Amino acid sequence: MSISCEIIRDLLPLYHDRVCSKESMAAIEEHITACESCKAELQGMQSDLHMGSVGENMREAEAVKELSKRWRKGMTKSLWNGIFIAILSIAMLFLVLYLFMDIRFIMG
């Protein structure tokens, strides 16, 4: 049975991860013995996966933590700025209403 390269390329990630059926594995193995293009694609998948060293991964994790802290700090600052601006805007509105619209509030 001849399967097109397009179908084989769709199945290669499953084959690479060993999660396809035995029948699919056999069909892919049969195909890649005759097709250099699909064989090269599979070899490319095997060499593309780069797992960094533990130290490198820890540095990246620390960088992500630091970025997360800065983001959270910025969000908190923005929240407080928003609250301050909202309170200031409300106070200004009441001041304008009090001074220019001759609206007097009952003050005990």
PDB file of N, CA and C in Angstrom:
ATOM      1  N   MET A   1       0.839  -1.167   0.000  1.00  0.00           N
ATOM      2  CA  MET A   1       0.000   0.000   0.000  1.00  0.00           C
ATOM      3  C   MET A   1       0.889   1.236   0.000  1.00  0.00           C
ATOM      4  N   SER A   2       0.629   2.142  -0.910  1.00  0.00           N
ATOM      5  CA  SER A   2       1.423   3.354  -1.035  1.00  0.00           C
ATOM      6  C   SER A   2       0.677   4.523  -0.403  1.00  0.00           C
ATOM      7  N   ILE A   3       1.334   5.161   0.547  1.00  0.00           N
ATOM      8  CA  ILE A   3       0.749   6.315   1.236  1.00  0.00           C
ATOM      9  C   ILE A   3       1.517   7.552   0.804  1.00  0.00           C
ATOM     10  N   SER A   4       0.800   8.629   0.557  1.00  0.00           N
ATOM     11  CA  SER A   4       1.455   9.851   0.085  1.00  0.00           C
ATOM     12  C   SER A   4       2.342  10.455   1.163  1.00  0.00           C
ATOM     13  N   CYS A   5       3.318  11.207   0.700  1.00  0.00           N
ATOM     14  CA  CYS A   5       4.237  11.874   1.628  1.00  0.00           C
ATOM     15  C   CYS A   5       3.493  12.856   2.533  1.00  0.00           C
ATOM     16  N   GLU A   6       2.468  13.476   2.012  1.00  0.00           N
ATOM     17  CA  GLU A   6       1.707  14.437   2.811  1.00  0.00           C
ATOM     18  C   GLU A   6       1.070  13.761   4.029  1.00  0.00           C
ATOM     19  N   ILE A   7       0.517  12.593   3.835  1.00  0.00           N
ATOM     20  CA  ILE A   7      -0.092  11.848   4.949  1.00  0.00           C
ATOM     21  C   ILE A   7       0.984  11.384   5.919  1.00  0.00           C
ATOM     22  N   ILE A   8       2.085  10.904   5.392  1.00  0.00           N
ATOM     23  CA  ILE A   8       3.192  10.458   6.252  1.00  0.00           C
ATOM     24  C   ILE A   8       3.706  11.621   7.090  1.00  0.00           C
ATOM     25  N   ARG A   9       3.854  12.798   6.480  1.00  0.00           N
ATOM     26  CA  ARG A   9       4.336  13.967   7.230  1.00  0.00           C
ATOM     27  C   ARG A   9       3.342  14.366   8.331  1.00  0.00           C
ATOM     28  N   ASP A  10       2.064  14.157   8.084  1.00  0.00           N
ATOM     29  CA  ASP A  10       1.072  14.421   9.131  1.00  0.00           C
ATOM     30  C   ASP A  10       1.228  13.443  10.302  1.00  0.00           C
ATOM     31  N   LEU A  11       1.638  12.229   9.996  1.00  0.00           N
ATOM     32  CA  LEU A  11       1.764  11.191  11.022  1.00  0.00           C
ATOM     33  C   LEU A  11       3.139  11.182  11.707  1.00  0.00           C
ATOM     34  N   LEU A  12       4.127  11.832  11.103  1.00  0.00           N
ATOM     35  CA  LEU A  12       5.483  11.777  11.657  1.00  0.00           C
ATOM     36  C   LEU A  12       5.578  12.255  13.114  1.00  0.00           C
ATOM     37  N   PRO A  13       4.905  13.349  13.508  1.00  0.00           N
ATOM     38  CA  PRO A  13       5.001  13.728  14.930  1.00  0.00           C
ATOM     39  C   PRO A  13       4.473  12.648  15.871  1.00  0.00           C
ATOM     40  N   LEU A  14       3.398  11.971  15.460  1.00  0.00           N
ATOM     41  CA  LEU A  14       2.871  10.877  16.289  1.00  0.00           C
ATOM     42  C   LEU A  14       3.853   9.716  16.339  1.00  0.00           C
ATOM     43  N   TYR A  15       4.480   9.436  15.200  1.00  0.00           N
ATOM     44  CA  TYR A  15       5.467   8.369  15.134  1.00  0.00           C
ATOM     45  C   TYR A  15       6.674   8.732  16.006  1.00  0.00           C
ATOM     46  N   HIS A  16       7.100   9.964  15.903  1.00  0.00           N
ATOM     47  CA  HIS A  16       8.253  10.428  16.677  1.00  0.00           C
ATOM     48  C   HIS A  16       8.006  10.284  18.177  1.00  0.00           C
ATOM     49  N   ASP A  17       6.785  10.598  18.609  1.00  0.00           N
ATOM     50  CA  ASP A  17       6.437  10.498  20.032  1.00  0.00           C
ATOM     51  C   ASP A  17       5.986   9.102  20.443  1.00  0.00           C
ATOM     52  N   ARG A  18       5.943   8.188  19.478  1.00  0.00           N
ATOM     53  CA  ARG A  18       5.533   6.794  19.717  1.00  0.00           C
ATOM     54  C   ARG A  18       4.116   6.697  20.266  1.00  0.00           C
ATOM     55  N   VAL A  19       3.188   7.493  19.701  1.00  0.00           N
ATOM     56  CA  VAL A  19       1.807   7.449  20.161  1.00  0.00           C
ATOM     57  C   VAL A  19       0.835   7.027  19.057  1.00  0.00           C
ATOM     58  N   CYS A  20       1.360   6.644  17.907  1.00  0.00           N
ATOM     59  CA  CYS A  20       0.460   6.183  16.842  1.00  0.00           C
ATOM     60  C   CYS A  20       0.297   4.660  16.939  1.00  0.00           C
ATOM     61  N   SER A  21      -0.656   4.147  16.196  1.00  0.00           N
ATOM     62  CA  SER A  21      -0.932   2.705  16.239  1.00  0.00           C
ATOM     63  C   SER A  21       0.214   1.921  15.609  1.00  0.00           C
ATOM     64  N   LYS A  22       0.251   0.636  15.915  1.00  0.00           N
ATOM     65  CA  LYS A  22       1.298  -0.228  15.347  1.00  0.00           C
ATOM     66  C   LYS A  22       1.195  -0.272  13.829  1.00  0.00           C
ATOM     67  N   GLU A  23      -0.024  -0.258  13.323  1.00  0.00           N
ATOM     68  CA  GLU A  23      -0.243  -0.285  11.879  1.00  0.00           C
ATOM     69  C   GLU A  23       0.315   0.986  11.229  1.00  0.00           C
ATOM     70  N   SER A  24       0.076   2.117  11.858  1.00  0.00           N
ATOM     71  CA  SER A  24       0.609   3.380  11.340  1.00  0.00           C
ATOM     72  C   SER A  24       2.124   3.393  11.423  1.00  0.00           C
ATOM     73  N   MET A  25       2.663   2.878  12.525  1.00  0.00           N
ATOM     74  CA  MET A  25       4.127   2.824  12.662  1.00  0.00           C
ATOM     75  C   MET A  25       4.742   1.981  11.559  1.00  0.00           C
ATOM     76  N   ALA A  26       4.122   0.859  11.273  1.00  0.00           N
ATOM     77  CA  ALA A  26       4.648  -0.019  10.218  1.00  0.00           C
ATOM     78  C   ALA A  26       4.579   0.677   8.863  1.00  0.00           C
ATOM     79  N   ALA A  27       3.482   1.381   8.594  1.00  0.00           N
ATOM     80  CA  ALA A  27       3.341   2.075   7.315  1.00  0.00           C
ATOM     81  C   ALA A  27       4.370   3.186   7.183  1.00  0.00           C
ATOM     82  N   ILE A  28       4.609   3.900   8.266  1.00  0.00           N
ATOM     83  CA  ILE A  28       5.597   4.985   8.230  1.00  0.00           C
ATOM     84  C   ILE A  28       6.989   4.418   8.036  1.00  0.00           C
ATOM     85  N   GLU A  29       7.331   3.366   8.757  1.00  0.00           N
ATOM     86  CA  GLU A  29       8.652   2.752   8.619  1.00  0.00           C
ATOM     87  C   GLU A  29       8.878   2.233   7.209  1.00  0.00           C
ATOM     88  N   GLU A  30       7.844   1.644   6.632  1.00  0.00           N
ATOM     89  CA  GLU A  30       7.953   1.163   5.256  1.00  0.00           C
ATOM     90  C   GLU A  30       8.178   2.333   4.304  1.00  0.00           C
ATOM     91  N   HIS A  31       7.460   3.430   4.528  1.00  0.00           N
ATOM     92  CA  HIS A  31       7.559   4.585   3.647  1.00  0.00           C
ATOM     93  C   HIS A  31       8.929   5.250   3.744  1.00  0.00           C
ATOM     94  N   ILE A  32       9.454   5.425   4.973  1.00  0.00           N
ATOM     95  CA  ILE A  32      10.712   6.155   5.114  1.00  0.00           C
ATOM     96  C   ILE A  32      11.925   5.350   4.641  1.00  0.00           C
ATOM     97  N   THR A  33      11.751   4.044   4.463  1.00  0.00           N
ATOM     98  CA  THR A  33      12.863   3.283   3.882  1.00  0.00           C
ATOM     99  C   THR A  33      13.040   3.621   2.404  1.00  0.00           C
ATOM    100  N   ALA A  34      11.953   4.047   1.757  1.00  0.00           N
ATOM    101  CA  ALA A  34      12.020   4.360   0.332  1.00  0.00           C
ATOM    102  C   ALA A  34      12.041   5.860   0.054  1.00  0.00           C
ATOM    103  N   CYS A  35      11.634   6.683   0.995  1.00  0.00           N
ATOM    104  CA  CYS A  35      11.496   8.123   0.741  1.00  0.00           C
ATOM    105  C   CYS A  35      12.513   8.901   1.596  1.00  0.00           C
ATOM    106  N   GLU A  36      13.515   9.452   0.928  1.00  0.00           N
ATOM    107  CA  GLU A  36      14.552  10.197   1.633  1.00  0.00           C
ATOM    108  C   GLU A  36      14.025  11.505   2.224  1.00  0.00           C
ATOM    109  N   SER A  37      13.063  12.126   1.561  1.00  0.00           N
ATOM    110  CA  SER A  37      12.507  13.394   2.032  1.00  0.00           C
ATOM    111  C   SER A  37      11.815  13.219   3.380  1.00  0.00           C
ATOM    112  N   CYS A  38      10.969  12.227   3.497  1.00  0.00           N
ATOM    113  CA  CYS A  38      10.260  11.972   4.760  1.00  0.00           C
ATOM    114  C   CYS A  38      11.227  11.487   5.840  1.00  0.00           C
ATOM    115  N   LYS A  39      12.226  10.724   5.450  1.00  0.00           N
ATOM    116  CA  LYS A  39      13.235  10.251   6.389  1.00  0.00           C
ATOM    117  C   LYS A  39      14.008  11.445   6.960  1.00  0.00           C
ATOM    118  N   ALA A  40      14.358  12.399   6.096  1.00  0.00           N
ATOM    119  CA  ALA A  40      15.069  13.592   6.539  1.00  0.00           C
ATOM    120  C   ALA A  40      14.188  14.426   7.473  1.00  0.00           C
ATOM    121  N   GLU A  41      12.895  14.498   7.173  1.00  0.00           N
ATOM    122  CA  GLU A  41      11.962  15.230   8.036  1.00  0.00           C
ATOM    123  C   GLU A  41      11.921  14.612   9.426  1.00  0.00           C
ATOM    124  N   LEU A  42      11.882  13.284   9.488  1.00  0.00           N
ATOM    125  CA  LEU A  42      11.872  12.594  10.778  1.00  0.00           C
ATOM    126  C   LEU A  42      13.174  12.843  11.523  1.00  0.00           C
ATOM    127  N   GLN A  43      14.294  12.790  10.848  1.00  0.00           N
ATOM    128  CA  GLN A  43      15.579  13.040  11.492  1.00  0.00           C
ATOM    129  C   GLN A  43      15.659  14.479  11.998  1.00  0.00           C
ATOM    130  N   GLY A  44      15.051  15.396  11.252  1.00  0.00           N
ATOM    131  CA  GLY A  44      15.000  16.783  11.691  1.00  0.00           C
ATOM    132  C   GLY A  44      14.202  16.940  12.976  1.00  0.00           C
ATOM    133  N   MET A  45      13.131  16.180  13.100  1.00  0.00           N
ATOM    134  CA  MET A  45      12.331  16.222  14.333  1.00  0.00           C
ATOM    135  C   MET A  45      13.143  15.722  15.515  1.00  0.00           C
ATOM    136  N   GLN A  46      13.956  14.716  15.274  1.00  0.00           N
ATOM    137  CA  GLN A  46      14.729  14.135  16.363  1.00  0.00           C
ATOM    138  C   GLN A  46      15.843  15.062  16.804  1.00  0.00           C
ATOM    139  N   SER A  47      16.375  15.867  15.888  1.00  0.00           N
ATOM    140  CA  SER A  47      17.470  16.755  16.259  1.00  0.00           C
ATOM    141  C   SER A  47      16.976  18.130  16.692  1.00  0.00           C
ATOM    142  N   ASP A  48      15.710  18.490  16.421  1.00  0.00           N
ATOM    143  CA  ASP A  48      15.183  19.804  16.776  1.00  0.00           C
ATOM    144  C   ASP A  48      14.958  19.964  18.270  1.00  0.00           C
ATOM    145  N   LEU A  49      14.700  18.893  18.964  1.00  0.00           N
ATOM    146  CA  LEU A  49      14.386  18.969  20.379  1.00  0.00           C
ATOM    147  C   LEU A  49      15.661  19.222  21.177  1.00  0.00           C
ATOM    148  N   HIS A  50      15.737  20.395  21.767  1.00  0.00           N
ATOM    149  CA  HIS A  50      16.918  20.768  22.550  1.00  0.00           C
ATOM    150  C   HIS A  50      16.503  20.985  23.991  1.00  0.00           C
ATOM    151  N   MET A  51      16.992  20.164  24.842  1.00  0.00           N
ATOM    152  CA  MET A  51      16.735  20.324  26.266  1.00  0.00           C
ATOM    153  C   MET A  51      17.971  20.976  26.869  1.00  0.00           C
ATOM    154  N   GLY A  52      17.793  22.169  27.432  1.00  0.00           N
ATOM    155  CA  GLY A  52      18.908  22.882  28.021  1.00  0.00           C
ATOM    156  C   GLY A  52      19.397  22.192  29.277  1.00  0.00           C
ATOM    157  N   SER A  53      20.538  22.655  29.732  1.00  0.00           N
ATOM    158  CA  SER A  53      21.076  22.106  30.970  1.00  0.00           C
ATOM    159  C   SER A  53      20.226  22.588  32.141  1.00  0.00           C
ATOM    160  N   VAL A  54      20.404  21.963  33.277  1.00  0.00           N
ATOM    161  CA  VAL A  54      19.634  22.324  34.465  1.00  0.00           C
ATOM    162  C   VAL A  54      19.910  23.776  34.843  1.00  0.00           C
ATOM    163  N   GLY A  55      21.175  24.174  34.772  1.00  0.00           N
ATOM    164  CA  GLY A  55      21.533  25.554  35.110  1.00  0.00           C
ATOM    165  C   GLY A  55      20.878  26.547  34.172  1.00  0.00           C
ATOM    166  N   GLU A  56      20.887  26.237  32.895  1.00  0.00           N
ATOM    167  CA  GLU A  56      20.256  27.113  31.900  1.00  0.00           C
ATOM    168  C   GLU A  56      18.761  27.218  32.142  1.00  0.00           C
ATOM    169  N   ASN A  57      18.130  26.091  32.425  1.00  0.00           N
ATOM    170  CA  ASN A  57      16.688  26.092  32.708  1.00  0.00           C
ATOM    171  C   ASN A  57      16.369  26.878  33.976  1.00  0.00           C
ATOM    172  N   MET A  58      17.216  26.774  34.995  1.00  0.00           N
ATOM    173  CA  MET A  58      16.989  27.510  36.235  1.00  0.00           C
ATOM    174  C   MET A  58      17.136  29.016  36.009  1.00  0.00           C
ATOM    175  N   ARG A  59      18.118  29.424  35.181  1.00  0.00           N
ATOM    176  CA  ARG A  59      18.281  30.847  34.869  1.00  0.00           C
ATOM    177  C   ARG A  59      17.054  31.380  34.143  1.00  0.00           C
ATOM    178  N   GLU A  60      16.543  30.594  33.214  1.00  0.00           N
ATOM    179  CA  GLU A  60      15.337  31.003  32.489  1.00  0.00           C
ATOM    180  C   GLU A  60      14.140  31.094  33.439  1.00  0.00           C
ATOM    181  N   ALA A  61      14.034  30.162  34.358  1.00  0.00           N
ATOM    182  CA  ALA A  61      12.932  30.185  35.324  1.00  0.00           C
ATOM    183  C   ALA A  61      13.036  31.416  36.221  1.00  0.00           C
ATOM    184  N   GLU A  62      14.250  31.762  36.640  1.00  0.00           N
ATOM    185  CA  GLU A  62      14.444  32.957  37.462  1.00  0.00           C
ATOM    186  C   GLU A  62      14.095  34.217  36.685  1.00  0.00           C
ATOM    187  N   ALA A  63      14.442  34.248  35.408  1.00  0.00           N
ATOM    188  CA  ALA A  63      14.103  35.406  34.579  1.00  0.00           C
ATOM    189  C   ALA A  63      12.590  35.548  34.445  1.00  0.00           C
ATOM    190  N   VAL A  64      11.899  34.445  34.293  1.00  0.00           N
ATOM    191  CA  VAL A  64      10.430  34.485  34.200  1.00  0.00           C
ATOM    192  C   VAL A  64       9.835  34.944  35.525  1.00  0.00           C
ATOM    193  N   LYS A  65      10.367  34.485  36.642  1.00  0.00           N
ATOM    194  CA  LYS A  65       9.873  34.915  37.957  1.00  0.00           C
ATOM    195  C   LYS A  65      10.068  36.421  38.129  1.00  0.00           C
ATOM    196  N   GLU A  66      11.237  36.926  37.739  1.00  0.00           N
ATOM    197  CA  GLU A  66      11.519  38.354  37.866  1.00  0.00           C
ATOM    198  C   GLU A  66      10.586  39.171  36.983  1.00  0.00           C
ATOM    199  N   LEU A  67      10.357  38.702  35.785  1.00  0.00           N
ATOM    200  CA  LEU A  67       9.435  39.374  34.878  1.00  0.00           C
ATOM    201  C   LEU A  67       8.024  39.377  35.452  1.00  0.00           C
ATOM    202  N   SER A  68       7.628  38.276  36.057  1.00  0.00           N
ATOM    203  CA  SER A  68       6.308  38.178  36.676  1.00  0.00           C
ATOM    204  C   SER A  68       6.177  39.155  37.835  1.00  0.00           C
ATOM    205  N   LYS A  69       7.222  39.283  38.661  1.00  0.00           N
ATOM    206  CA  LYS A  69       7.203  40.232  39.777  1.00  0.00           C
ATOM    207  C   LYS A  69       7.048  41.657  39.267  1.00  0.00           C
ATOM    208  N   ARG A  70       7.823  42.014  38.244  1.00  0.00           N
ATOM    209  CA  ARG A  70       7.755  43.370  37.701  1.00  0.00           C
ATOM    210  C   ARG A  70       6.382  43.637  37.097  1.00  0.00           C
ATOM    211  N   TRP A  71       5.816  42.645  36.431  1.00  0.00           N
ATOM    212  CA  TRP A  71       4.493  42.803  35.830  1.00  0.00           C
ATOM    213  C   TRP A  71       3.450  43.027  36.920  1.00  0.00           C
ATOM    214  N   ARG A  72       3.509  42.205  37.980  1.00  0.00           N
ATOM    215  CA  ARG A  72       2.565  42.338  39.085  1.00  0.00           C
ATOM    216  C   ARG A  72       2.699  43.700  39.764  1.00  0.00           C
ATOM    217  N   LYS A  73       3.942  44.142  39.959  1.00  0.00           N
ATOM    218  CA  LYS A  73       4.185  45.441  40.577  1.00  0.00           C
ATOM    219  C   LYS A  73       3.611  46.559  39.702  1.00  0.00           C
ATOM    220  N   GLY A  74       3.797  46.450  38.405  1.00  0.00           N
ATOM    221  CA  GLY A  74       3.253  47.442  37.481  1.00  0.00           C
ATOM    222  C   GLY A  74       1.733  47.445  37.488  1.00  0.00           C
ATOM    223  N   MET A  75       1.136  46.280  37.564  1.00  0.00           N
ATOM    224  CA  MET A  75      -0.330  46.189  37.611  1.00  0.00           C
ATOM    225  C   MET A  75      -0.871  46.812  38.901  1.00  0.00           C
ATOM    226  N   THR A  76      -0.208  46.578  40.014  1.00  0.00           N
ATOM    227  CA  THR A  76      -0.634  47.156  41.289  1.00  0.00           C
ATOM    228  C   THR A  76      -0.526  48.679  41.238  1.00  0.00           C
ATOM    229  N   LYS A  77       0.585  49.166  40.694  1.00  0.00           N
ATOM    230  CA  LYS A  77       0.774  50.616  40.565  1.00  0.00           C
ATOM    231  C   LYS A  77      -0.316  51.214  39.674  1.00  0.00           C
ATOM    232  N   SER A  78      -0.625  50.559  38.581  1.00  0.00           N
ATOM    233  CA  SER A  78      -1.673  51.045  37.679  1.00  0.00           C
ATOM    234  C   SER A  78      -3.032  51.061  38.373  1.00  0.00           C
ATOM    235  N   LEU A  79      -3.309  50.058  39.179  1.00  0.00           N
ATOM    236  CA  LEU A  79      -4.565  50.008  39.925  1.00  0.00           C
ATOM    237  C   LEU A  79      -4.681  51.198  40.870  1.00  0.00           C
ATOM    238  N   TRP A  80      -3.616  51.463  41.633  1.00  0.00           N
ATOM    239  CA  TRP A  80      -3.642  52.591  42.565  1.00  0.00           C
ATOM    240  C   TRP A  80      -3.755  53.917  41.821  1.00  0.00           C
ATOM    241  N   ASN A  81      -3.072  54.044  40.706  1.00  0.00           N
ATOM    242  CA  ASN A  81      -3.190  55.262  39.901  1.00  0.00           C
ATOM    243  C   ASN A  81      -4.625  55.444  39.418  1.00  0.00           C
ATOM    244  N   GLY A  82      -5.246  54.372  38.977  1.00  0.00           N
ATOM    245  CA  GLY A  82      -6.629  54.435  38.519  1.00  0.00           C
ATOM    246  C   GLY A  82      -7.580  54.838  39.622  1.00  0.00           C
ATOM    247  N   ILE A  83      -7.382  54.286  40.806  1.00  0.00           N
ATOM    248  CA  ILE A  83      -8.224  54.635  41.954  1.00  0.00           C
ATOM    249  C   ILE A  83      -8.039  56.111  42.298  1.00  0.00           C
ATOM    250  N   PHE A  84      -6.798  56.573  42.322  1.00  0.00           N
ATOM    251  CA  PHE A  84      -6.516  57.973  42.632  1.00  0.00           C
ATOM    252  C   PHE A  84      -7.170  58.904  41.612  1.00  0.00           C
ATOM    253  N   ILE A  85      -7.043  58.587  40.345  1.00  0.00           N
ATOM    254  CA  ILE A  85      -7.626  59.423  39.289  1.00  0.00           C
ATOM    255  C   ILE A  85      -9.154  59.430  39.393  1.00  0.00           C
ATOM    256  N   ALA A  86      -9.741  58.285  39.687  1.00  0.00           N
ATOM    257  CA  ALA A  86     -11.203  58.222  39.831  1.00  0.00           C
ATOM    258  C   ALA A  86     -11.673  59.081  41.001  1.00  0.00           C
ATOM    259  N   ILE A  87     -10.998  58.998  42.147  1.00  0.00           N
ATOM    260  CA  ILE A  87     -11.366  59.809  43.319  1.00  0.00           C
ATOM    261  C   ILE A  87     -11.174  61.294  43.022  1.00  0.00           C
ATOM    262  N   LEU A  88     -10.075  61.637  42.385  1.00  0.00           N
ATOM    263  CA  LEU A  88      -9.811  63.023  42.031  1.00  0.00           C
ATOM    264  C   LEU A  88     -10.866  63.557  41.063  1.00  0.00           C
ATOM    265  N   SER A  89     -11.255  62.739  40.095  1.00  0.00           N
ATOM    266  CA  SER A  89     -12.279  63.147  39.123  1.00  0.00           C
ATOM    267  C   SER A  89     -13.621  63.374  39.807  1.00  0.00           C
ATOM    268  N   ILE A  90     -13.997  62.513  40.711  1.00  0.00           N
ATOM    269  CA  ILE A  90     -15.260  62.665  41.440  1.00  0.00           C
ATOM    270  C   ILE A  90     -15.223  63.928  42.300  1.00  0.00           C
ATOM    271  N   ALA A  91     -14.082  64.157  42.969  1.00  0.00           N
ATOM    272  CA  ALA A  91     -13.947  65.362  43.799  1.00  0.00           C
ATOM    273  C   ALA A  91     -14.053  66.616  42.933  1.00  0.00           C
ATOM    274  N   MET A  92     -13.417  66.615  41.767  1.00  0.00           N
ATOM    275  CA  MET A  92     -13.482  67.762  40.858  1.00  0.00           C
ATOM    276  C   MET A  92     -14.914  67.978  40.374  1.00  0.00           C
ATOM    277  N   LEU A  93     -15.632  66.929  40.080  1.00  0.00           N
ATOM    278  CA  LEU A  93     -17.019  67.037  39.634  1.00  0.00           C
ATOM    279  C   LEU A  93     -17.877  67.677  40.719  1.00  0.00           C
ATOM    280  N   PHE A  94     -17.736  67.222  41.957  1.00  0.00           N
ATOM    281  CA  PHE A  94     -18.491  67.808  43.057  1.00  0.00           C
ATOM    282  C   PHE A  94     -18.116  69.274  43.275  1.00  0.00           C
ATOM    283  N   LEU A  95     -16.837  69.586  43.117  1.00  0.00           N
ATOM    284  CA  LEU A  95     -16.401  70.968  43.276  1.00  0.00           C
ATOM    285  C   LEU A  95     -17.021  71.869  42.209  1.00  0.00           C
ATOM    286  N   VAL A  96     -17.018  71.413  40.960  1.00  0.00           N
ATOM    287  CA  VAL A  96     -17.624  72.178  39.867  1.00  0.00           C
ATOM    288  C   VAL A  96     -19.120  72.341  40.119  1.00  0.00           C
ATOM    289  N   LEU A  97     -19.784  71.288  40.496  1.00  0.00           N
ATOM    290  CA  LEU A  97     -21.216  71.378  40.781  1.00  0.00           C
ATOM    291  C   LEU A  97     -21.494  72.348  41.934  1.00  0.00           C
ATOM    292  N   TYR A  98     -20.666  72.306  42.944  1.00  0.00           N
ATOM    293  CA  TYR A  98     -20.868  73.156  44.111  1.00  0.00           C
ATOM    294  C   TYR A  98     -20.629  74.628  43.773  1.00  0.00           C
ATOM    295  N   LEU A  99     -19.542  74.908  43.031  1.00  0.00           N
ATOM    296  CA  LEU A  99     -19.182  76.302  42.762  1.00  0.00           C
ATOM    297  C   LEU A  99     -19.986  76.938  41.636  1.00  0.00           C
ATOM    298  N   PHE A 100     -20.216  76.222  40.564  1.00  0.00           N
ATOM    299  CA  PHE A 100     -20.788  76.834  39.370  1.00  0.00           C
ATOM    300  C   PHE A 100     -22.265  76.522  39.145  1.00  0.00           C
ATOM    301  N   MET A 101     -22.762  75.508  39.722  1.00  0.00           N
ATOM    302  CA  MET A 101     -24.153  75.132  39.487  1.00  0.00           C
ATOM    303  C   MET A 101     -25.048  75.543  40.652  1.00  0.00           C
ATOM    304  N   ASP A 102     -24.455  76.170  41.631  1.00  0.00           N
ATOM    305  CA  ASP A 102     -25.186  76.667  42.785  1.00  0.00           C
ATOM    306  C   ASP A 102     -25.986  75.555  43.469  1.00  0.00           C
ATOM    307  N   ILE A 103     -25.387  74.391  43.505  1.00  0.00           N
ATOM    308  CA  ILE A 103     -26.018  73.275  44.214  1.00  0.00           C
ATOM    309  C   ILE A 103     -25.362  73.198  45.588  1.00  0.00           C
ATOM    310  N   ARG A 104     -26.168  73.322  46.584  1.00  0.00           N
ATOM    311  CA  ARG A 104     -25.652  73.299  47.948  1.00  0.00           C
ATOM    312  C   ARG A 104     -26.060  71.974  48.595  1.00  0.00           C
ATOM    313  N   PHE A 105     -25.074  71.366  49.202  1.00  0.00           N
ATOM    314  CA  PHE A 105     -25.333  70.118  49.891  1.00  0.00           C
ATOM    315  C   PHE A 105     -25.685  70.411  51.339  1.00  0.00           C
ATOM    316  N   ILE A 106     -26.535  69.618  51.884  1.00  0.00           N
ATOM    317  CA  ILE A 106     -26.912  69.784  53.273  1.00  0.00           C
ATOM    318  C   ILE A 106     -25.771  69.268  54.121  1.00  0.00           C
ATOM    319  N   MET A 107     -25.233  70.135  54.919  1.00  0.00           N
ATOM    320  CA  MET A 107     -24.106  69.749  55.744  1.00  0.00           C
ATOM    321  C   MET A 107     -24.477  69.914  57.219  1.00  0.00           C
ATOM    322  N   GLY A 108     -25.297  69.049  57.679  1.00  0.00           N
ATOM    323  CA  GLY A 108     -25.708  68.947  59.046  1.00  0.00           C
ATOM    324  C   GLY A 108     -26.172  70.140  59.672  1.00  0.00           C
TER     325      GLY A 108
END
